[in-house]
Amino acid sequence: MSSTFLSLTIIVVIALLIGISIGRQTKEAPKSNKNIARKSKQNTASGPKPMSEKQRELISQMAKAGIIPDSELTALLANPSLVFARALISRYMNEFSEFKRNQKDEDRENNWLNFEKLPPMQDFPIKRRKYLFSKRELKAFQTLTELCNKKDLKVCPKVRMGDIVEVKSSDKNEWSKWFRALNQRHIDFLILDRTNHILLGIEYDDSTHDTPEARGVDNFKNGCFEKAGLPLARYRSVEEIESRFKNDIDNVFRRSNSEIKTEEAGSR
């Protein structure tokens, strides 16, 4: 009896121990899974960081210039990491900078005349124009001259935009871009007073001003005059000049007188 009881007791104890062990393993399983997931994320996060868009663009420019060998570009495709891209850029940056400088010098040589290395005079690709005006422009100039003489004004034909307005910018690239644009364009006529102050710009338009490109140039001129605080009149015929010019120039004088009075009132 006692041995039977002892056997049962041992069996119960063993069963209890097994149950406790299974329960502990069951509780620890989620923790273990969480640890595995956490380690997996850490491994993913600690992987190679991809190269930036700025690096990608710079490497693309180097590749187009033929500076980076194809074998290294292939290696970069297999491992597009930030570190590898940085090393590649660093390795070829001096060569790429030299390429850019040479390209800039070549562009300047192709697009700008070098006054220190001019060809012989007989090789200048130059031919004299026979007339300053077309027949249509001459008629407009004569009409404006007659009207201006009555008011003691002067007419200056074909004046460069760069002689009327100037560029104000601390950015060298912006200054150079606008300077070239201004000096490549002119105003058909400029009206001056007796002291040579600019009063009015005049554009004598024809059907060629109806093209998209011409409208863009016209908008450029309009914007420059408006920003500079100068009036710009546009006429399409001599008849329009005769009918509108007197009123246009009178408006300029009225505006000038109004501005002078405003300045005098503000200084009191």
Protein backbone atom coordinates (compact mmCIF):
# COMPACT_ATOMS: atom_id res chain seq x y z
CA MET A 1 0.00 0.00 0.00
CA SER A 2 2.75 2.32 0.99
CA SER A 3 4.79 1.48 -2.11
CA THR A 4 1.75 2.12 -4.34
CA PHE A 5 1.18 5.47 -2.66
CA LEU A 6 4.83 6.35 -3.08
CA SER A 7 4.73 5.48 -6.78
CA LEU A 8 1.65 7.63 -7.32
CA THR A 9 3.29 10.51 -5.50
CA ILE A 10 6.37 10.29 -7.69
CA ILE A 11 4.23 10.21 -10.86
CA VAL A 12 2.26 13.30 -9.73
CA VAL A 13 5.46 15.20 -8.93
CA ILE A 14 6.97 14.31 -12.33
CA ALA A 15 3.76 15.41 -14.07
CA LEU A 16 3.80 18.72 -12.19
CA LEU A 17 7.43 19.33 -13.15
CA ILE A 18 6.71 18.56 -16.81
CA GLY A 19 3.72 20.93 -16.78
CA ILE A 20 5.73 23.74 -15.23
CA SER A 21 8.49 23.26 -17.83
CA ILE A 22 6.03 23.33 -20.75
CA GLY A 23 4.35 26.48 -19.41
CA ARG A 24 7.65 28.26 -19.03
CA GLN A 25 8.64 27.39 -22.60
CA THR A 26 5.27 28.60 -23.88
CA LYS A 27 5.70 31.96 -22.14
CA GLU A 28 9.26 32.40 -23.37
CA ALA A 29 8.40 31.58 -27.01
CA PRO A 30 6.84 35.01 -27.83
CA LYS A 31 9.82 36.73 -26.22
CA SER A 32 12.16 34.67 -28.35
CA ASN A 33 10.20 35.49 -31.51
CA LYS A 34 10.30 39.19 -30.62
CA ASN A 35 14.05 39.01 -30.13
CA ILE A 36 14.48 37.35 -33.52
CA ALA A 37 12.32 40.02 -35.20
CA ARG A 38 14.24 42.78 -33.44
CA LYS A 39 17.57 41.35 -34.58
CA SER A 40 16.23 41.04 -38.12
CA LYS A 41 15.24 44.71 -38.15
CA GLN A 42 18.62 45.69 -36.76
CA ASN A 43 20.35 43.72 -39.48
CA THR A 44 18.18 45.41 -42.13
CA ALA A 45 18.77 48.88 -40.68
CA SER A 46 22.49 48.33 -40.48
CA GLY A 47 22.66 47.43 -44.20
CA PRO A 48 24.41 49.70 -46.75
CA LYS A 49 22.73 53.11 -47.12
CA PRO A 50 21.77 53.82 -50.75
CA MET A 51 23.45 56.66 -52.63
CA SER A 52 21.69 60.04 -52.72
CA GLU A 53 20.00 61.63 -55.75
CA LYS A 54 22.74 64.26 -55.83
CA GLN A 55 25.40 61.54 -56.04
CA ARG A 56 23.40 59.71 -58.71
CA GLU A 57 23.18 62.88 -60.85
CA LEU A 58 26.89 63.66 -60.48
CA ILE A 59 27.90 60.10 -61.39
CA SER A 60 25.57 60.28 -64.41
CA GLN A 61 27.36 63.43 -65.61
CA MET A 62 30.74 61.78 -65.10
CA ALA A 63 29.58 58.73 -67.06
CA LYS A 64 28.35 60.90 -69.97
CA ALA A 65 31.74 62.60 -70.01
CA GLY A 66 33.38 59.16 -70.32
CA ILE A 67 35.36 59.60 -67.12
CA ILE A 68 34.13 56.60 -65.10
CA PRO A 69 35.00 53.20 -66.68
CA ASP A 70 32.12 50.86 -67.57
CA SER A 71 33.46 48.22 -65.19
CA GLU A 72 33.08 50.56 -62.22
CA LEU A 73 29.61 51.64 -63.33
CA THR A 74 28.63 47.97 -63.44
CA ALA A 75 30.02 47.49 -59.94
CA LEU A 76 28.02 50.50 -58.76
CA LEU A 77 24.81 49.00 -60.16
CA ALA A 78 25.49 45.85 -58.15
CA ASN A 79 26.25 47.86 -55.02
CA PRO A 80 24.51 51.27 -55.22
CA SER A 81 25.54 52.28 -51.72
CA LEU A 82 26.28 55.77 -50.48
CA VAL A 83 29.80 54.78 -49.39
CA PHE A 84 30.72 53.22 -52.75
CA ALA A 85 29.27 56.18 -54.66
CA ARG A 86 31.20 58.61 -52.46
CA ALA A 87 34.45 56.73 -53.08
CA LEU A 88 33.80 56.67 -56.84
CA ILE A 89 33.08 60.42 -56.97
CA SER A 90 36.16 61.22 -54.88
CA ARG A 91 38.36 59.12 -57.17
CA TYR A 92 37.34 60.92 -60.36
CA MET A 93 36.37 64.41 -59.11
CA ASN A 94 39.65 66.10 -60.12
CA GLU A 95 39.41 64.68 -63.62
CA PHE A 96 35.76 65.72 -63.89
CA SER A 97 36.54 69.27 -62.68
CA GLU A 98 39.26 69.55 -65.32
CA PHE A 99 36.80 68.31 -67.95
CA LYS A 100 34.27 70.99 -66.93
CA ARG A 101 36.90 73.75 -67.10
CA ASN A 102 38.00 72.66 -70.56
CA GLN A 103 34.39 72.47 -71.70
CA LYS A 104 33.76 76.00 -70.44
CA ASP A 105 36.87 77.31 -72.23
CA GLU A 106 35.82 75.51 -75.42
CA ASP A 107 32.32 77.00 -75.26
CA ARG A 108 33.78 80.45 -74.73
CA GLU A 109 36.14 80.00 -77.68
CA ASN A 110 33.33 78.78 -79.94
CA ASN A 111 30.77 81.41 -78.97
CA TRP A 112 32.81 84.52 -78.18
CA LEU A 113 35.28 86.48 -80.29
CA ASN A 114 38.76 86.65 -78.75
CA PHE A 115 39.90 90.25 -79.32
CA GLU A 116 43.49 89.31 -78.43
CA LYS A 117 43.66 86.71 -81.22
CA LEU A 118 41.82 88.33 -84.11
CA PRO A 119 42.36 87.02 -87.65
CA PRO A 120 43.93 89.32 -90.26
CA MET A 121 41.64 92.20 -91.19
CA GLN A 122 41.10 90.85 -94.71
CA ASP A 123 39.65 87.68 -93.17
CA PHE A 124 37.00 89.51 -91.14
CA PRO A 125 33.57 88.10 -92.18
CA ILE A 126 32.23 91.66 -92.45
CA LYS A 127 30.20 93.49 -95.09
CA ARG A 128 28.91 97.06 -95.04
CA ARG A 129 25.18 97.68 -94.92
CA LYS A 130 23.98 100.04 -97.60
CA TYR A 131 21.26 101.70 -95.50
CA LEU A 132 20.67 102.11 -91.78
CA PHE A 133 16.88 101.91 -92.23
CA SER A 134 14.51 99.87 -94.30
CA LYS A 135 12.11 101.97 -96.39
CA ARG A 136 9.39 101.41 -93.82
CA GLU A 137 11.66 102.38 -90.90
CA LEU A 138 12.91 105.47 -92.75
CA LYS A 139 9.37 106.77 -93.19
CA ALA A 140 8.68 106.26 -89.48
CA PHE A 141 11.95 108.03 -88.54
CA GLN A 142 11.14 111.01 -90.75
CA THR A 143 7.63 111.28 -89.29
CA LEU A 144 8.91 111.10 -85.69
CA THR A 145 11.63 113.67 -86.44
CA GLU A 146 9.05 116.15 -87.77
CA LEU A 147 6.81 115.67 -84.72
CA CYS A 148 9.71 115.91 -82.26
CA ASN A 149 11.12 119.07 -83.85
CA LYS A 150 7.87 120.83 -82.93
CA LYS A 151 8.49 120.02 -79.25
CA ASP A 152 12.28 120.47 -79.22
CA LEU A 153 12.84 116.73 -78.76
CA LYS A 154 15.40 114.34 -80.27
CA VAL A 155 14.94 110.98 -81.99
CA CYS A 156 17.66 108.34 -81.57
CA PRO A 157 17.25 105.29 -83.82
CA LYS A 158 18.29 101.69 -83.09
CA VAL A 159 19.50 102.07 -79.50
CA ARG A 160 20.81 99.01 -77.63
CA MET A 161 18.76 97.95 -74.62
CA GLY A 162 22.03 97.86 -72.67
CA ASP A 163 22.42 101.62 -73.25
CA ILE A 164 18.95 102.28 -71.81
CA VAL A 165 18.83 100.00 -68.76
CA GLU A 166 21.54 98.22 -66.76
CA VAL A 167 21.72 94.95 -64.83
CA LYS A 168 21.75 95.07 -61.03
CA SER A 169 22.65 91.66 -59.59
CA SER A 170 25.34 90.30 -57.25
CA ASP A 171 25.02 86.87 -58.89
CA LYS A 172 27.70 86.66 -61.61
CA ASN A 173 25.85 84.10 -63.72
CA GLU A 174 22.59 86.05 -63.57
CA TRP A 175 24.38 89.32 -64.35
CA SER A 176 26.16 87.80 -67.35
CA LYS A 177 22.96 86.22 -68.70
CA TRP A 178 20.94 89.45 -68.52
CA PHE A 179 23.82 91.60 -69.77
CA ARG A 180 24.10 89.49 -72.94
CA ALA A 181 20.33 89.50 -73.45
CA LEU A 182 20.16 93.30 -73.15
CA ASN A 183 23.04 93.90 -75.53
CA GLN A 184 21.63 91.57 -78.18
CA ARG A 185 18.44 93.64 -78.46
CA HIS A 186 17.68 97.20 -79.46
CA ILE A 187 14.79 99.63 -79.38
CA ASP A 188 13.71 101.04 -82.76
CA PHE A 189 13.55 104.67 -81.57
CA LEU A 190 14.31 106.51 -78.34
CA ILE A 191 12.91 109.98 -77.65
CA LEU A 192 15.10 112.38 -75.61
CA ASP A 193 14.39 115.85 -74.24
CA ARG A 194 16.69 118.84 -74.80
CA THR A 195 18.88 117.75 -71.85
CA ASN A 196 19.21 114.22 -73.29
CA HIS A 197 17.00 112.58 -70.65
CA ILE A 198 15.16 109.49 -71.88
CA LEU A 199 11.44 110.18 -72.24
CA LEU A 200 9.93 107.43 -74.36
CA GLY A 201 10.90 104.25 -76.17
CA ILE A 202 9.19 103.38 -79.46
CA GLU A 203 8.86 100.00 -81.17
CA TYR A 204 7.73 100.06 -84.78
CA ASP A 205 6.04 96.67 -85.13
CA ASP A 206 5.06 94.78 -88.27
CA SER A 207 3.66 91.33 -89.05
CA THR A 208 6.93 89.64 -88.00
CA HIS A 209 6.05 90.50 -84.39
CA ASP A 210 3.13 88.05 -84.51
CA THR A 211 5.32 84.93 -84.16
CA PRO A 212 5.68 83.25 -80.73
CA GLU A 213 9.42 84.01 -80.62
CA ALA A 214 8.88 87.69 -81.48
CA ARG A 215 6.15 87.97 -78.85
CA GLY A 216 8.60 86.59 -76.29
CA VAL A 217 11.18 89.26 -77.22
CA ASP A 218 8.47 91.95 -77.08
CA ASN A 219 7.47 90.80 -73.60
CA PHE A 220 11.13 90.98 -72.56
CA LYS A 221 11.41 94.59 -73.76
CA ASN A 222 8.06 95.55 -72.23
CA GLY A 223 9.11 94.08 -68.88
CA CYS A 224 12.50 95.84 -68.89
CA PHE A 225 10.95 99.23 -69.62
CA GLU A 226 8.22 98.75 -67.02
CA LYS A 227 10.74 97.68 -64.35
CA ALA A 228 12.91 100.71 -65.19
CA GLY A 229 9.92 103.06 -64.95
CA LEU A 230 10.14 104.07 -68.61
CA PRO A 231 7.18 104.22 -71.01
CA LEU A 232 7.32 102.17 -74.22
CA ALA A 233 4.93 102.88 -77.10
CA ARG A 234 4.22 100.46 -79.94
CA TYR A 235 3.03 101.60 -83.37
CA ARG A 236 2.26 99.59 -86.51
CA SER A 237 2.00 102.34 -89.13
CA VAL A 238 3.01 105.93 -89.88
CA GLU A 239 -0.66 106.90 -89.59
CA GLU A 240 -0.74 105.49 -86.06
CA ILE A 241 2.38 107.49 -85.16
CA GLU A 242 0.78 110.68 -86.48
CA SER A 243 -2.46 110.09 -84.56
CA ARG A 244 -1.03 108.85 -81.24
CA PHE A 245 2.46 110.26 -80.71
CA LYS A 246 1.44 113.76 -79.54
CA ASN A 247 -0.89 112.31 -76.91
CA ASP A 248 1.71 109.72 -75.82
CA ILE A 249 4.46 112.30 -75.32
CA ASP A 250 2.07 114.68 -73.53
CA ASN A 251 1.23 111.85 -71.11
CA VAL A 252 4.96 111.43 -70.45
CA PHE A 253 5.30 115.13 -69.61
CA ARG A 254 2.23 115.05 -67.37
CA ARG A 255 3.57 112.04 -65.50
CA SER A 256 7.00 113.66 -65.13
CA ASN A 257 5.46 116.86 -63.76
CA SER A 258 3.31 114.84 -61.35
CA GLU A 259 6.37 112.92 -60.10
CA ILE A 260 8.32 116.17 -59.62
CA LYS A 261 5.47 117.70 -57.60
CA THR A 262 5.20 114.55 -55.48
CA GLU A 263 8.95 114.63 -54.76
CA GLU A 264 8.80 118.34 -53.87
CA ALA A 265 5.85 117.76 -51.52
CA GLY A 266 7.66 114.88 -49.83
CA SER A 267 10.80 116.98 -49.24
CA ARG A 268 8.89 119.74 -47.39
